[in-house]
Amino acid sequence: MSEATLIVEKTSGVASLTLNRPRQMNALDWNTVKSLASVFRELEGDKATRVLLITGQGKAFSAGGDLEGYRSLYRRPDDFRRFLEDFFALLDALERSRIVVIAAVNGYCLAGGLELMLACDLAIASSDARIGDAHLNFGQLPGAGGSQRLPRAIGAQRARDLMYTGRWVNGAEAERIGLVARVVPADELTTAARALAEEILQKSPAGVASAKTLLREGLKMSLEKALRFEMDLVHEWATTHPDAMEGLAAFAEKRKPRFL
């Protein structure tokens, strides 16, 4: 990992990862994708890390892929395929992880940056954020899950609007259409993201991970199968995991739960 590319900090259960290529608007070139994957593997192995905040240095969360670099990469089809596979694997790892990943979206979040945001569990945006698909503005197509995660996040009609027109939305509109969970003034973004992380840290670690599994896997199934999946997982949770009974005991005893 190059320190010039990523800045990683860890404090009491929360890791903060800052994309640090401000001159390139935190473009997600192949080296950056590899660095992100390497850092995330390390964090996944650290059981003390339960929440990851991802943000960008400067005026952008990430303005997307490295368009200048693509001019060379497109001429090397095998390498381009490997790049796509690496990007896919990174975002899939974020979604499947026990860690809750929060995107703190400052400034521009476009194309590949949007795809990174969509793979996070939650997104909180500054009011001056500028968020959009933007691929078609330069004759490109989303290749890191944008065409599939975007309609699942905001519905097909709104996804088509953003994809076909390439337009950007500000933080307020992003919140209104369900693209981000919350919007805050720009100077409050870091504090608000940290506060959200602290809320999550108060919950059962295993419970949060199981809730993440319910949401992720259930969305891949029919409603009937998803409801059955929920029933089975909840039965297993309630009858085998100590945190389930600890929560009930804490409620009865009017105290704060002491989760594992």
Protein backbone atom coordinates (compact mmCIF):
# COMPACT_ATOMS: atom_id res chain seq x y z
CA MET A 1 0.00 0.00 0.00
CA SER A 2 1.26 3.47 -0.81
CA GLU A 3 0.72 6.07 1.89
CA ALA A 4 0.21 8.60 -0.87
CA THR A 5 -2.81 6.64 -2.11
CA LEU A 6 -4.64 5.70 1.09
CA ILE A 7 -4.69 6.98 4.65
CA VAL A 8 -5.83 4.44 7.27
CA GLU A 9 -6.59 5.22 10.91
CA LYS A 10 -8.05 2.98 13.62
CA THR A 11 -9.64 3.99 16.92
CA SER A 12 -11.76 1.87 19.29
CA GLY A 13 -13.64 -0.36 16.88
CA VAL A 14 -13.79 2.10 13.97
CA ALA A 15 -11.38 2.26 11.06
CA SER A 16 -11.21 5.27 8.77
CA LEU A 17 -9.96 4.89 5.20
CA THR A 18 -9.35 8.04 3.17
CA LEU A 19 -8.70 7.96 -0.56
CA ASN A 20 -5.74 10.29 -0.92
CA ARG A 21 -5.32 11.20 -4.59
CA PRO A 22 -6.86 14.69 -4.48
CA ARG A 23 -5.13 15.88 -7.65
CA GLN A 24 -6.78 13.01 -9.53
CA MET A 25 -10.11 13.55 -7.69
CA ASN A 26 -9.43 10.21 -5.97
CA ALA A 27 -9.78 8.30 -9.23
CA LEU A 28 -9.97 4.53 -8.78
CA ASP A 29 -7.15 3.27 -10.93
CA TRP A 30 -6.00 -0.36 -10.79
CA ASN A 31 -3.32 0.29 -8.16
CA THR A 32 -5.83 2.04 -5.91
CA VAL A 33 -8.30 -0.81 -6.24
CA LYS A 34 -5.56 -3.29 -5.31
CA SER A 35 -4.53 -1.14 -2.36
CA LEU A 36 -8.11 -0.89 -1.14
CA ALA A 37 -8.48 -4.66 -1.34
CA SER A 38 -5.23 -5.22 0.56
CA VAL A 39 -6.18 -2.81 3.34
CA PHE A 40 -9.64 -4.28 3.64
CA ARG A 41 -8.25 -7.80 4.00
CA GLU A 42 -6.13 -6.57 6.90
CA LEU A 43 -9.11 -4.89 8.54
CA GLU A 44 -11.24 -8.01 8.07
CA GLY A 45 -8.63 -9.96 9.99
CA ASP A 46 -8.71 -7.48 12.87
CA LYS A 47 -11.63 -8.57 15.05
CA ALA A 48 -11.53 -5.26 16.92
CA THR A 49 -12.58 -3.41 13.77
CA ARG A 50 -16.37 -3.43 13.47
CA VAL A 51 -17.11 -0.32 11.39
CA LEU A 52 -15.21 1.14 8.45
CA LEU A 53 -15.63 4.73 7.29
CA ILE A 54 -14.57 5.46 3.71
CA THR A 55 -14.14 9.03 2.49
CA GLY A 56 -11.99 11.08 0.13
CA GLN A 57 -9.36 13.77 0.54
CA GLY A 58 -10.03 17.12 -1.08
CA LYS A 59 -12.97 17.95 -3.32
CA ALA A 60 -14.09 14.39 -4.08
CA PHE A 61 -15.12 11.13 -2.49
CA SER A 62 -14.09 9.68 -5.84
CA ALA A 63 -14.81 11.09 -9.28
CA GLY A 64 -14.67 7.60 -10.79
CA GLY A 65 -12.23 5.49 -12.74
CA ASP A 66 -8.95 6.61 -14.24
CA LEU A 67 -10.13 7.59 -17.74
CA GLU A 68 -6.63 8.48 -18.90
CA GLY A 69 -5.37 5.10 -17.74
CA TYR A 70 -8.21 3.33 -19.52
CA ARG A 71 -6.81 4.47 -22.88
CA SER A 72 -3.92 2.08 -22.31
CA LEU A 73 -5.84 -0.57 -20.38
CA TYR A 74 -8.47 -1.01 -23.10
CA ARG A 75 -5.69 -2.01 -25.51
CA ARG A 76 -4.76 -4.87 -23.17
CA PRO A 77 -7.97 -6.93 -22.99
CA ASP A 78 -6.60 -9.53 -20.58
CA ASP A 79 -5.40 -6.87 -18.14
CA PHE A 80 -8.68 -4.98 -18.43
CA ARG A 81 -10.54 -8.17 -17.54
CA ARG A 82 -8.30 -8.65 -14.52
CA PHE A 83 -8.94 -5.06 -13.45
CA LEU A 84 -12.70 -5.64 -13.64
CA GLU A 85 -12.35 -8.86 -11.66
CA ASP A 86 -10.30 -7.09 -8.99
CA PHE A 87 -12.85 -4.28 -8.70
CA PHE A 88 -15.68 -6.83 -8.52
CA ALA A 89 -13.86 -8.78 -5.79
CA LEU A 90 -13.24 -5.64 -3.73
CA LEU A 91 -16.87 -4.52 -3.77
CA ASP A 92 -18.13 -8.06 -3.19
CA ALA A 93 -15.86 -8.28 -0.14
CA LEU A 94 -17.30 -5.04 1.25
CA GLU A 95 -20.81 -6.38 0.90
CA ARG A 96 -20.07 -9.80 2.40
CA SER A 97 -17.95 -8.60 5.29
CA ARG A 98 -19.03 -8.72 8.94
CA ILE A 99 -17.75 -5.11 9.07
CA VAL A 100 -20.33 -2.37 8.53
CA VAL A 101 -18.98 -0.09 5.81
CA ILE A 102 -20.10 3.55 5.78
CA ALA A 103 -19.40 5.89 2.87
CA ALA A 104 -18.91 9.48 4.04
CA VAL A 105 -19.49 11.20 0.72
CA ASN A 106 -17.74 14.54 0.39
CA GLY A 107 -17.84 16.41 -2.90
CA TYR A 108 -17.87 14.51 -6.19
CA CYS A 109 -18.99 10.87 -6.17
CA LEU A 110 -19.27 9.79 -9.78
CA ALA A 111 -19.12 6.64 -11.94
CA GLY A 112 -16.72 4.25 -10.19
CA GLY A 113 -16.99 6.38 -7.05
CA LEU A 114 -20.75 5.83 -7.08
CA GLU A 115 -20.17 2.10 -7.56
CA LEU A 116 -17.91 2.07 -4.49
CA MET A 117 -20.54 3.97 -2.50
CA LEU A 118 -23.29 1.55 -3.57
CA ALA A 119 -21.32 -1.42 -2.23
CA CYS A 120 -21.15 0.19 1.21
CA ASP A 121 -23.80 -0.63 3.81
CA LEU A 122 -24.69 2.99 4.47
CA ALA A 123 -23.92 6.32 2.86
CA ILE A 124 -24.02 9.72 4.52
CA ALA A 125 -23.45 12.70 2.24
CA SER A 126 -22.52 16.34 2.65
CA SER A 127 -25.10 18.80 1.38
CA ASP A 128 -22.68 19.96 -1.32
CA ALA A 129 -21.96 16.45 -2.60
CA ARG A 130 -22.40 15.80 -6.32
CA ILE A 131 -23.42 12.21 -6.98
CA GLY A 132 -24.12 10.52 -10.30
CA ASP A 133 -23.42 7.62 -12.64
CA ALA A 134 -21.83 9.78 -15.39
CA HIS A 135 -20.38 6.85 -17.37
CA LEU A 136 -22.24 7.67 -20.57
CA ASN A 137 -20.99 11.27 -20.47
CA PHE A 138 -17.69 9.89 -21.76
CA GLY A 139 -18.93 6.89 -23.73
CA GLN A 140 -18.34 4.41 -20.91
CA LEU A 141 -20.48 1.77 -19.21
CA PRO A 142 -20.61 0.92 -15.50
CA GLY A 143 -18.40 -2.12 -14.98
CA ALA A 144 -18.19 -2.39 -11.18
CA GLY A 145 -21.80 -3.19 -10.40
CA GLY A 146 -23.43 0.19 -11.00
CA SER A 147 -26.00 -1.04 -13.50
CA GLN A 148 -27.19 -3.66 -11.01
CA ARG A 149 -26.79 -2.06 -7.58
CA LEU A 150 -28.19 1.34 -8.60
CA PRO A 151 -31.70 0.12 -9.60
CA ARG A 152 -31.78 -2.08 -6.51
CA ALA A 153 -31.04 0.98 -4.40
CA ILE A 154 -33.37 3.58 -5.95
CA GLY A 155 -35.61 1.70 -8.38
CA ALA A 156 -35.37 1.17 -12.12
CA GLN A 157 -36.92 4.49 -13.22
CA ARG A 158 -34.60 6.66 -11.18
CA ALA A 159 -31.62 4.51 -12.09
CA ARG A 160 -32.38 4.93 -15.80
CA ASP A 161 -32.65 8.68 -15.29
CA LEU A 162 -29.21 8.91 -13.71
CA MET A 163 -27.59 6.42 -16.08
CA TYR A 164 -29.02 7.62 -19.40
CA THR A 165 -28.62 11.35 -18.73
CA GLY A 166 -25.36 11.23 -16.76
CA ARG A 167 -26.70 13.98 -14.52
CA TRP A 168 -25.55 14.56 -10.95
CA VAL A 169 -27.70 15.03 -7.86
CA ASN A 170 -26.83 17.00 -4.75
CA GLY A 171 -26.94 15.64 -1.23
CA ALA A 172 -30.55 16.64 -0.60
CA GLU A 173 -31.84 14.95 -3.76
CA ALA A 174 -29.70 11.89 -3.10
CA GLU A 175 -31.36 11.54 0.30
CA ARG A 176 -34.83 12.14 -1.16
CA ILE A 177 -34.51 9.34 -3.72
CA GLY A 178 -32.92 6.92 -1.26
CA LEU A 179 -29.43 7.00 -2.74
CA VAL A 180 -27.94 7.98 0.64
CA ALA A 181 -29.29 7.46 4.15
CA ARG A 182 -28.58 10.94 5.52
CA VAL A 183 -27.38 14.36 4.38
CA VAL A 184 -25.59 16.85 6.62
CA PRO A 185 -23.78 20.18 6.21
CA ALA A 186 -20.30 19.72 4.77
CA ASP A 187 -18.54 20.82 7.96
CA GLU A 188 -20.47 18.21 9.96
CA LEU A 189 -19.84 15.20 7.73
CA THR A 190 -16.94 13.67 9.64
CA THR A 191 -18.65 14.15 13.01
CA ALA A 192 -21.95 12.73 11.74
CA ALA A 193 -20.28 9.69 10.17
CA ARG A 194 -18.38 8.99 13.38
CA ALA A 195 -21.58 9.35 15.44
CA LEU A 196 -23.34 6.86 13.16
CA ALA A 197 -20.45 4.43 13.62
CA GLU A 198 -20.65 4.82 17.39
CA GLU A 199 -24.37 4.00 17.33
CA ILE A 200 -23.61 0.75 15.53
CA LEU A 201 -20.83 -0.12 17.98
CA GLN A 202 -23.40 -0.22 20.79
CA LYS A 203 -25.17 -3.17 19.19
CA SER A 204 -24.31 -6.87 19.29
CA PRO A 205 -21.41 -7.45 16.87
CA ALA A 206 -22.77 -10.85 15.87
CA GLY A 207 -26.28 -9.43 15.64
CA VAL A 208 -25.20 -6.67 13.27
CA ALA A 209 -23.33 -9.18 11.11
CA SER A 210 -26.40 -11.44 11.00
CA ALA A 211 -28.68 -8.52 10.12
CA LYS A 212 -26.30 -7.67 7.28
CA THR A 213 -26.56 -11.27 6.07
CA LEU A 214 -30.36 -11.15 6.20
CA LEU A 215 -30.49 -8.01 4.08
CA ARG A 216 -27.84 -9.05 1.58
CA GLU A 217 -28.97 -12.61 0.94
CA GLY A 218 -32.69 -11.92 1.19
CA LEU A 219 -32.55 -9.38 -1.62
CA LYS A 220 -31.30 -12.13 -3.94
CA MET A 221 -34.33 -14.35 -3.29
CA SER A 222 -38.03 -14.35 -4.01
CA LEU A 223 -40.08 -12.92 -1.14
CA GLU A 224 -41.31 -16.38 -0.16
CA LYS A 225 -37.79 -17.81 0.02
CA ALA A 226 -36.45 -14.72 1.76
CA LEU A 227 -39.11 -14.93 4.48
CA ARG A 228 -38.27 -18.59 5.04
CA PHE A 229 -34.57 -17.70 5.14
CA GLU A 230 -35.29 -15.04 7.76
CA MET A 231 -37.27 -17.49 9.88
CA ASP A 232 -34.50 -20.08 9.82
CA LEU A 233 -31.72 -17.62 10.63
CA VAL A 234 -33.70 -15.97 13.45
CA HIS A 235 -34.53 -19.37 14.96
CA GLU A 236 -30.87 -20.30 14.95
CA TRP A 237 -29.87 -16.90 16.40
CA ALA A 238 -32.42 -16.94 19.21
CA THR A 239 -31.73 -20.51 20.29
CA THR A 240 -27.94 -20.62 20.00
CA HIS A 241 -26.36 -17.17 20.42
CA PRO A 242 -25.85 -15.75 23.94
CA ASP A 243 -26.44 -12.16 22.77
CA ALA A 244 -30.08 -12.94 22.03
CA MET A 245 -30.82 -13.94 25.63
CA GLU A 246 -28.53 -11.22 27.02
CA GLY A 247 -30.62 -8.58 25.26
CA LEU A 248 -33.79 -9.92 26.87
CA ALA A 249 -32.15 -10.09 30.29
CA ALA A 250 -30.89 -6.51 29.99
CA PHE A 251 -34.38 -5.32 29.08
CA ALA A 252 -35.93 -7.14 32.06
CA GLU A 253 -33.25 -5.84 34.43
CA LYS A 254 -33.37 -2.28 33.02
CA ARG A 255 -29.66 -2.16 32.23
CA LYS A 256 -27.41 -1.82 29.21
CA PRO A 257 -26.74 -5.14 27.43
CA ARG A 258 -23.29 -6.68 27.73
CA PHE A 259 -22.87 -8.25 24.32
CA LEU A 260 -20.03 -10.60 23.39
